[in-house]
Protein backbone atom coordinates (compact mmCIF):
# COMPACT_ATOMS: atom_id res chain seq x y z
CA MET A 1 209.04 -88.84 -68.89
CA SER A 2 207.91 -85.16 -69.28
CA HIS A 3 206.70 -83.62 -66.02
CA PRO A 4 206.78 -84.20 -62.22
CA ARG A 5 203.93 -86.37 -61.24
CA ARG A 6 203.73 -86.66 -57.23
CA PRO A 7 204.36 -84.51 -54.84
CA THR A 8 207.45 -84.62 -53.57
CA PHE A 9 207.69 -84.32 -49.18
CA ASP A 10 210.58 -82.84 -46.15
CA PRO A 11 211.62 -86.32 -45.09
CA ALA A 12 211.98 -84.07 -41.81
CA LEU A 13 208.11 -84.11 -41.57
CA PRO A 14 206.50 -86.38 -38.63
CA PRO A 15 205.53 -90.14 -39.97
CA ARG A 16 202.05 -89.50 -39.64
CA ALA A 17 201.47 -86.31 -40.75
CA LEU A 18 203.73 -87.30 -43.83
CA ALA A 19 201.58 -90.62 -44.41
CA ARG A 20 198.57 -87.92 -44.52
CA MET A 21 199.02 -85.71 -46.59
CA ARG A 22 200.64 -88.42 -49.05
CA ALA A 23 197.57 -90.25 -49.28
CA ARG A 24 195.45 -86.84 -50.26
CA PRO A 25 197.62 -85.17 -52.44
CA GLU A 26 194.17 -83.15 -53.76
CA ARG A 27 194.51 -81.84 -50.03
CA LEU A 28 198.02 -80.00 -50.71
CA VAL A 29 197.55 -76.35 -51.65
CA PRO A 30 200.33 -75.29 -54.44
CA ALA A 31 203.14 -72.17 -54.13
CA SER A 32 201.59 -70.30 -56.95
CA ALA A 33 198.27 -69.40 -54.41
CA GLY A 34 200.62 -67.21 -52.02
CA PRO A 35 200.12 -66.84 -48.48
CA SER A 36 196.39 -67.36 -47.11
CA ARG A 37 194.60 -64.28 -45.99
CA ARG A 38 191.90 -66.08 -43.75
CA PRO A 39 192.89 -67.45 -40.24
CA THR A 40 195.19 -69.72 -39.86
CA TRP A 41 193.62 -73.20 -38.62
CA ARG A 42 195.24 -72.31 -34.86
CA GLN A 43 194.00 -68.83 -34.85
CA GLY A 44 189.84 -69.93 -35.95
CA ALA A 45 190.23 -72.73 -33.18
CA ALA A 46 191.03 -69.92 -30.92
CA LEU A 47 188.55 -68.12 -32.18
CA THR A 48 186.02 -70.71 -31.88
CA ALA A 49 187.27 -71.43 -28.58
CA ALA A 50 186.58 -67.67 -26.98
CA GLY A 51 183.48 -66.54 -28.69
CA CYS A 52 181.96 -69.78 -27.62
CA THR A 53 183.19 -69.31 -24.10
CA SER A 54 182.54 -65.54 -23.79
CA LEU A 55 178.39 -66.77 -25.17
CA ALA A 56 178.87 -68.97 -22.29
CA ALA A 57 179.63 -66.44 -20.09
CA LEU A 58 176.80 -63.91 -21.50
CA ALA A 59 174.15 -66.88 -20.98
CA LEU A 60 175.51 -67.49 -17.37
CA LEU A 61 175.73 -63.45 -16.49
CA SER A 62 172.09 -62.19 -18.33
CA PRO A 63 168.47 -63.99 -18.30
CA ALA A 64 167.38 -61.76 -20.77
CA ALA A 65 170.12 -63.37 -23.60
CA GLY A 66 169.06 -66.93 -23.26
CA ALA A 67 166.17 -66.92 -26.05
CA VAL A 68 168.74 -64.92 -28.14
CA LEU A 69 172.01 -66.67 -27.58
CA VAL A 70 169.83 -70.55 -28.44
CA ALA A 71 168.77 -68.64 -31.74
CA LEU A 72 171.70 -67.97 -32.62
CA LEU A 73 173.31 -71.62 -32.13
CA CYS A 74 170.73 -72.60 -33.84
CA LEU A 75 170.98 -70.55 -36.64
CA GLY A 76 175.18 -71.02 -36.57
CA THR A 77 174.59 -75.21 -36.33
CA THR A 78 172.60 -75.13 -39.39
CA MET A 79 175.61 -72.91 -41.24
CA ALA A 80 177.84 -75.29 -40.08
CA VAL A 81 175.46 -78.14 -41.95
CA LEU A 82 175.45 -76.76 -44.76
CA GLY A 83 179.21 -75.87 -44.85
CA LEU A 84 180.10 -79.69 -44.34
CA ILE A 85 177.18 -80.08 -47.41
CA SER A 86 179.14 -78.01 -49.41
CA LEU A 87 182.61 -79.34 -49.03
CA ARG A 88 181.35 -82.77 -49.36
CA GLY A 89 180.81 -81.40 -52.82
CA SER A 90 177.98 -84.25 -53.62
CA PHE A 91 174.52 -82.47 -52.28
CA THR A 92 174.82 -79.01 -54.10
CA ASP A 93 176.46 -77.54 -56.79
CA ASP A 94 175.80 -73.60 -56.37
CA TRP A 95 174.17 -71.41 -53.69
CA ALA A 96 170.26 -72.08 -55.22
CA ASP A 97 171.22 -75.45 -53.49
CA LEU A 98 172.14 -74.59 -50.50
CA VAL A 99 168.89 -72.38 -50.29
CA MET A 100 167.22 -75.39 -50.99
CA HIS A 101 169.11 -77.63 -48.34
CA ALA A 102 168.28 -74.74 -45.55
CA PHE A 103 164.74 -75.50 -45.70
CA TRP A 104 165.40 -78.73 -43.87
CA ALA A 105 168.55 -77.81 -42.33
CA LEU A 106 167.28 -74.83 -39.97
CA PRO A 107 165.02 -77.23 -38.59
CA ALA A 108 166.80 -80.01 -37.53
CA SER A 109 169.36 -78.04 -35.86
CA ALA A 110 166.63 -75.99 -34.15
CA ALA A 111 165.33 -79.31 -33.51
CA GLY A 112 168.89 -81.15 -32.08
CA VAL A 113 169.60 -77.51 -30.29
CA THR A 114 166.63 -77.80 -28.34
CA GLY A 115 166.87 -81.55 -27.51
CA ALA A 116 170.37 -81.31 -26.39
CA ARG A 117 169.57 -78.54 -24.03
CA LEU A 118 166.59 -79.96 -23.10
CA LEU A 119 169.16 -82.44 -22.18
CA LEU A 120 171.27 -80.50 -20.30
CA GLU A 121 168.50 -78.91 -18.32
CA GLN A 122 167.95 -82.19 -16.69
CA VAL A 123 171.90 -82.02 -15.44
CA VAL A 124 172.67 -78.29 -14.46
CA GLY A 125 168.92 -76.98 -14.14
CA PRO A 126 169.96 -77.08 -10.49
CA LEU A 127 172.22 -74.82 -11.10
CA GLY A 128 169.95 -71.92 -11.93
CA SER A 129 169.77 -70.78 -8.71
CA PHE A 130 173.14 -70.00 -7.85
CA VAL A 131 173.44 -67.97 -11.18
CA PRO A 132 171.41 -65.34 -12.62
CA GLY A 133 171.17 -66.67 -15.89
CA ASP A 134 170.67 -69.94 -18.07
CA PRO A 135 173.39 -72.73 -16.98
CA ALA A 136 171.74 -75.19 -19.65
CA THR A 137 172.33 -73.17 -22.29
CA ALA A 138 175.67 -71.62 -21.02
CA ALA A 139 176.66 -75.88 -20.89
CA LEU A 140 175.52 -75.65 -24.59
CA TYR A 141 177.81 -73.43 -26.02
CA LEU A 142 180.95 -75.03 -23.88
CA THR A 143 180.15 -77.81 -25.87
CA ALA A 144 179.98 -75.96 -28.95
CA ALA A 145 183.40 -74.49 -28.29
CA VAL A 146 184.97 -78.10 -27.03
CA GLY A 147 182.85 -79.62 -30.02
CA GLY A 148 184.35 -77.02 -33.03
CA THR A 149 187.44 -76.76 -31.24
CA GLY A 150 188.23 -80.24 -31.51
CA ALA A 151 187.29 -80.26 -34.95
CA ILE A 152 188.70 -77.96 -36.29
CA MET A 153 192.24 -79.16 -34.75
CA ARG A 154 191.46 -82.69 -34.72
CA PRO A 155 195.04 -85.04 -35.73
CA GLY A 156 195.26 -85.96 -39.26
CA MET A 157 192.80 -83.66 -40.45
CA VAL A 158 194.52 -83.17 -44.47
CA ALA A 159 193.65 -79.71 -45.24
CA ARG A 160 195.19 -78.31 -41.52
CA LEU A 161 198.36 -80.27 -42.19
CA ALA A 162 198.65 -78.92 -45.53
CA SER A 163 198.59 -75.50 -44.80
CA GLU A 164 200.65 -75.40 -41.71
CA ASN A 165 203.12 -77.11 -43.86
CA ALA A 166 202.80 -74.96 -46.68
CA GLY A 167 206.59 -74.97 -47.31
CA ARG A 168 207.57 -78.36 -46.93
CA TYR A 169 206.17 -79.75 -50.02
CA VAL A 170 206.79 -79.23 -53.26
CA LEU A 171 204.19 -80.28 -56.08
CA PRO A 172 203.94 -80.86 -59.88
CA GLU A 173 201.80 -77.64 -59.97
CA ASP A 174 204.80 -75.56 -58.78
CA PHE A 175 207.07 -76.76 -61.91
CA GLY A 176 204.78 -75.10 -64.08
CA ARG A 177 201.90 -77.14 -65.83
CA PRO A 178 201.08 -80.14 -63.55
CA TYR A 179 200.39 -83.75 -65.00
CA GLY A 180 200.97 -82.80 -68.46
CA TYR A 181 203.34 -82.16 -70.98
CA ALA A 182 205.84 -79.62 -71.37
CA ALA A 183 208.54 -78.95 -73.54
CA ARG A 184 212.09 -79.70 -72.14
CA ARG A 185 213.53 -75.85 -73.58
CA ASP A 186 210.80 -74.18 -71.75
CA GLU A 187 210.72 -76.08 -68.29
CA PRO A 188 214.27 -77.89 -68.15
CA GLU A 189 213.63 -77.80 -64.06
CA ALA A 190 210.68 -79.55 -64.83
CA HIS A 191 212.30 -82.36 -66.75
CA LEU A 192 215.04 -82.23 -64.26
CA PHE A 193 213.09 -83.17 -61.13
CA ALA A 194 210.32 -85.54 -63.31
CA GLN A 195 213.95 -87.70 -63.61
CA LEU A 196 215.08 -87.40 -59.45
CA GLN A 197 211.99 -88.67 -58.92
CA GLN A 198 212.01 -91.25 -61.23
CA ALA A 199 214.99 -92.20 -59.11
CA THR A 200 213.32 -92.17 -56.19
CA ASP A 201 209.76 -94.08 -57.59
CA ARG A 202 212.40 -96.58 -59.23
CA VAL A 203 214.64 -97.37 -55.60
CA GLU A 204 210.98 -97.73 -54.06
CA GLU A 205 210.16 -100.22 -56.39
CA GLY A 206 213.26 -102.55 -56.25
CA THR A 207 212.77 -102.19 -52.55
CA ARG A 208 209.73 -104.01 -52.42
CA VAL A 209 210.04 -106.19 -55.72
CA LEU A 210 213.28 -107.49 -54.81
CA GLY A 211 213.20 -108.18 -51.43
CA GLY A 212 215.56 -109.04 -48.36
CA SER A 213 218.22 -109.46 -51.53
CA PHE A 214 217.81 -105.38 -52.05
CA ASP A 215 218.39 -103.68 -49.04
CA ALA A 216 218.01 -99.71 -49.91
CA GLY A 217 217.15 -99.05 -46.26
CA HIS A 218 220.27 -96.82 -46.01
CA THR A 219 220.13 -95.33 -49.67
CA LEU A 220 216.20 -94.72 -49.74
CA PRO A 221 216.61 -91.85 -46.87
CA LEU A 222 219.33 -90.06 -48.66
CA LEU A 223 217.69 -90.40 -51.97
CA ARG A 224 214.82 -88.90 -50.43
CA GLU A 225 216.85 -86.37 -48.14
CA GLU A 226 218.39 -85.54 -52.12
CA GLU A 227 215.06 -85.09 -54.05
CA TRP A 228 213.64 -82.69 -51.23
CA ARG A 229 217.64 -80.98 -51.32
CA MET A 230 217.34 -80.63 -55.02
CA SER A 231 213.45 -79.70 -55.47
CA GLN A 232 213.63 -76.57 -53.68
CA GLU A 233 217.55 -75.75 -55.81
CA LEU A 234 215.30 -76.68 -58.76
CA LEU A 235 212.84 -74.05 -57.79
CA ARG A 236 215.30 -71.57 -57.22
CA LEU A 237 216.72 -72.10 -60.62
CA ARG A 238 213.42 -71.70 -62.24
CA SER A 239 212.36 -68.51 -60.38
CA LEU A 240 216.06 -66.97 -61.28
CA ARG A 241 215.30 -68.25 -65.39
CA LYS A 242 211.94 -67.04 -65.20
CA GLU A 243 212.84 -63.55 -63.98
CA LEU A 244 215.91 -63.31 -66.61
CA LEU A 245 214.04 -64.63 -69.63
CA ARG A 246 210.93 -61.86 -68.39
CA ARG A 247 213.83 -59.29 -67.83
CA LYS A 248 215.49 -60.74 -72.08
CA ARG A 249 211.93 -59.81 -73.56
CA GLU A 250 211.34 -56.31 -71.84
CA ALA A 251 214.75 -54.93 -72.81
CA VAL A 252 215.02 -52.30 -74.58
CA SER A 253 218.16 -52.41 -76.31
CA ASP A 254 220.84 -54.63 -76.68
CA GLN A 255 222.74 -52.62 -73.98
CA VAL A 256 220.48 -54.33 -71.53
CA THR A 257 220.57 -58.17 -73.34
CA ARG A 258 224.38 -57.69 -73.13
CA ALA A 259 224.26 -56.81 -69.52
CA LEU A 260 222.18 -59.36 -68.64
CA GLU A 261 224.68 -62.21 -70.48
CA PRO A 262 226.33 -63.32 -67.18
CA GLN A 263 223.22 -64.10 -64.71
CA GLU A 264 222.10 -66.01 -68.19
CA GLU A 265 225.51 -67.91 -67.80
CA ALA A 266 225.09 -68.12 -63.72
CA VAL A 267 222.02 -69.83 -64.89
CA ASP A 268 223.84 -72.39 -67.20
CA ARG A 269 226.47 -73.47 -64.92
CA ALA A 270 223.55 -74.12 -62.22
CA HIS A 271 221.28 -76.05 -64.49
CA ALA A 272 224.45 -78.48 -66.01
CA ALA A 273 225.75 -78.70 -62.24
CA LEU A 274 222.43 -80.07 -61.10
CA ALA A 275 221.87 -82.10 -64.18
CA GLU A 276 224.79 -83.82 -63.90
CA ARG A 277 223.57 -85.06 -59.92
CA ILE A 278 221.01 -85.45 -60.69
CA GLY A 279 222.59 -87.68 -63.71
CA VAL A 280 224.68 -89.39 -60.77
CA LEU A 281 220.93 -90.48 -58.94
CA THR A 282 218.74 -91.31 -62.23
CA GLY A 283 222.00 -94.00 -63.08
CA TYR A 284 221.68 -95.40 -59.83
CA GLY A 285 218.01 -95.65 -60.62
CA GLU A 286 218.41 -97.26 -63.92
CA ARG A 287 220.48 -100.10 -61.94
CA VAL A 288 218.06 -100.46 -59.87
CA HIS A 289 215.00 -101.04 -62.27
CA ALA A 290 217.49 -103.56 -64.67
CA ALA A 291 217.21 -105.66 -62.11
CA VAL A 292 213.72 -105.29 -60.82
CA THR A 293 212.75 -106.21 -64.43
CA ALA A 294 215.84 -108.89 -64.37
CA HIS A 295 213.79 -110.47 -61.48
CA ARG A 296 210.59 -110.79 -63.27
CA GLU A 297 211.98 -112.18 -66.34
CA TRP A 298 213.43 -114.73 -63.94
CA GLU A 299 209.85 -114.88 -62.16
CA GLN A 300 207.96 -115.57 -65.81
CA CYS A 301 210.97 -118.28 -66.75
CA GLN A 302 210.25 -119.62 -63.80
CA GLU A 303 206.23 -119.74 -64.19
CA ILE A 304 206.50 -120.78 -68.09
CA ALA A 305 208.68 -123.78 -66.65
CA ASP A 306 206.82 -124.78 -64.00
CA ARG A 307 203.47 -125.10 -66.43
CA ALA A 308 206.37 -127.05 -69.26
CA ALA A 309 204.80 -130.62 -67.97
CA ASP A 310 201.25 -129.37 -68.06
CA TYR A 311 201.82 -128.50 -71.57
CA ALA A 312 204.06 -131.96 -72.56
CA ASP A 313 201.01 -133.74 -71.07
CA LEU A 314 198.48 -131.58 -73.26
CA ALA A 315 201.08 -132.75 -76.39
CA LEU A 316 201.44 -136.78 -75.88
CA THR A 317 197.54 -136.74 -75.46
CA SER A 318 196.63 -135.31 -78.45
CA SER A 319 200.20 -137.11 -80.61
CA ARG A 320 201.03 -139.96 -81.63
CA ASP A 321 204.60 -138.64 -81.95
CA ALA A 322 206.41 -139.30 -78.24
CA VAL A 323 207.28 -135.50 -76.75
CA ARG A 324 211.07 -134.45 -77.30
CA THR A 325 212.50 -133.14 -73.42
CA GLU A 326 214.69 -130.82 -74.91
CA GLU A 327 212.29 -128.81 -75.14
CA ILE A 328 211.81 -128.95 -71.41
CA ASP A 329 215.20 -128.92 -70.40
CA GLU A 330 215.55 -125.61 -72.58
CA SER A 331 212.48 -124.43 -70.30
CA LEU A 332 214.45 -125.37 -67.14
CA LEU A 333 217.83 -123.17 -68.83
CA SER A 334 216.53 -120.42 -69.47
CA VAL A 335 215.38 -120.20 -65.64
CA GLU A 336 218.61 -120.56 -65.12
CA ALA A 337 220.04 -117.81 -66.77
CA ALA A 338 217.58 -115.53 -65.97
CA HIS A 339 217.81 -116.58 -62.76
CA SER A 340 222.04 -115.63 -62.98
CA VAL A 341 221.18 -112.60 -64.70
CA ARG A 342 218.92 -111.38 -61.98
CA GLU A 343 221.51 -112.44 -59.24
CA GLU A 344 224.05 -110.52 -61.29
CA LEU A 345 222.07 -107.32 -61.75
CA VAL A 346 221.34 -107.23 -58.07
CA ARG A 347 225.15 -107.64 -56.75
CA GLU A 348 225.10 -104.96 -58.99
CA ALA A 349 222.43 -102.12 -58.32
CA VAL A 350 223.70 -102.99 -54.25
CA ASP A 351 227.29 -102.31 -54.87
CA ALA A 352 225.76 -98.90 -56.87
CA GLY A 353 224.12 -98.24 -54.05
CA ALA A 354 226.75 -98.85 -51.52
CA SER A 355 228.44 -96.14 -53.42
CA LEU A 356 225.77 -93.97 -53.64
CA SER A 357 225.22 -93.74 -49.75
CA GLU A 358 229.03 -93.03 -49.48
CA SER A 359 228.99 -90.30 -52.01
CA LEU A 360 225.70 -88.90 -50.20
CA ARG A 361 226.55 -88.71 -46.62
CA ARG A 362 230.09 -86.56 -48.06
CA GLY A 363 228.27 -84.40 -49.93
CA PRO A 364 229.16 -82.68 -52.90
CA GLY A 365 232.28 -81.24 -51.28
CA GLY A 366 233.46 -84.38 -50.71
CA LYS A 367 233.49 -84.24 -46.52
CA GLY A 368 230.96 -85.10 -44.52
CA GLY A 369 227.63 -84.41 -43.64
CA GLY A 370 227.98 -84.34 -39.88
C-alpha cells in the first residue's frame, strides 16, 4: 500500500450530494487547482436568468429588436449544442471538429428556435395587441431563462456539487502523485493516510461480509469522522513539512539550518503523534480483516464439505476399494474448526470496535466529545 486510492469526504455532507460525488470521483477538483476565476455556478445561473429576462423585456418593448433577438437565440442555442458535444468528448477532439459540427448544429438550432417560436405564436400571439414588441420572442427568452437556470442548478449535478463543496473532500492528488508509488520517505503523510483509508475500507468490508454477527453501526461513522479529521491534519502537516524542506534547500548557511531545527522537531513530533493515533485504527482494521478472512475460510470449507459426498460417489463408481469415511469426517471437522475460529475472531473484532468507539467518543484528550 503506497498511496491513498480514493477520495475522503466530510461526513457532514448531505447524503445525496455525498453519494453523487462518491460515484463520480473523476469530476472532483483537486486542491492544487486553486480557486476558480470563473463565476460560480450560482452566479452563472443568476446571470443566465437576468440576461434572458432582460432580453425578453426588450423583445416586448422594441418591435425592431425581434429579428435580431431570434438570430441571437439561434447562435446561443448553437453554442450550447457545441458545448455539450465538446463536454461529451466522444464526438470532437479539437476546434476543427467543432467547426465541422457547426455546419449541422446551426441549421438544426435555427429550425428548432423557429419551430418553437411558431408554436408559441399560437399561444401568446393575441398579446401582440397589448404590447408594441413580439410576445412570442419574449416567451422564447423566458423559456430559455427557466431552462438555462434549471440546467445549471439541477439537483445532483456532480460538477456543480464538486465546485460548491471543494473544501469538503480530499483527493489522492492532494497527497502527491495520484494512484502511484511514492516512497515513504518522500510522502510520509500519504502513507499514513493510505493506512487510515485501509482501516475504514476493512471495516466497511466486514459490515458487508460478516452480516448481523458484526455490527459496526456505531464504529463506522466514527471512523469516517476520524478519517476526515485526520486528513485535514495530515494535509496541514504535509504543507508545513514541504515548506520546511524548501527552506532547508534554500538555506545559505549553517546558522539558517540550525534555526530551522525547532520547526523540524515540531514536524517530527506531530508526525509521530498522528502515526500513533492512526496505528490504533489500523490495528482495529486488521482485527476486522482477520475476521473476514476467517469467515471466508469457513465458507470455503463448508463448500468443500458440501461436495464431499459427490466426490465420494465418484470414487466409489471408479474404484473397487471401499470409500474411506474418515476423509468425509475430516472435511466436517475442518468446517467446525473454521467456524470456531471465525466466531472467536468476530467476537474479538466486536469487542475491539466497542473499545475503539468509546475511545473515539472521548477524543484525544480523554474527555467526551459532546
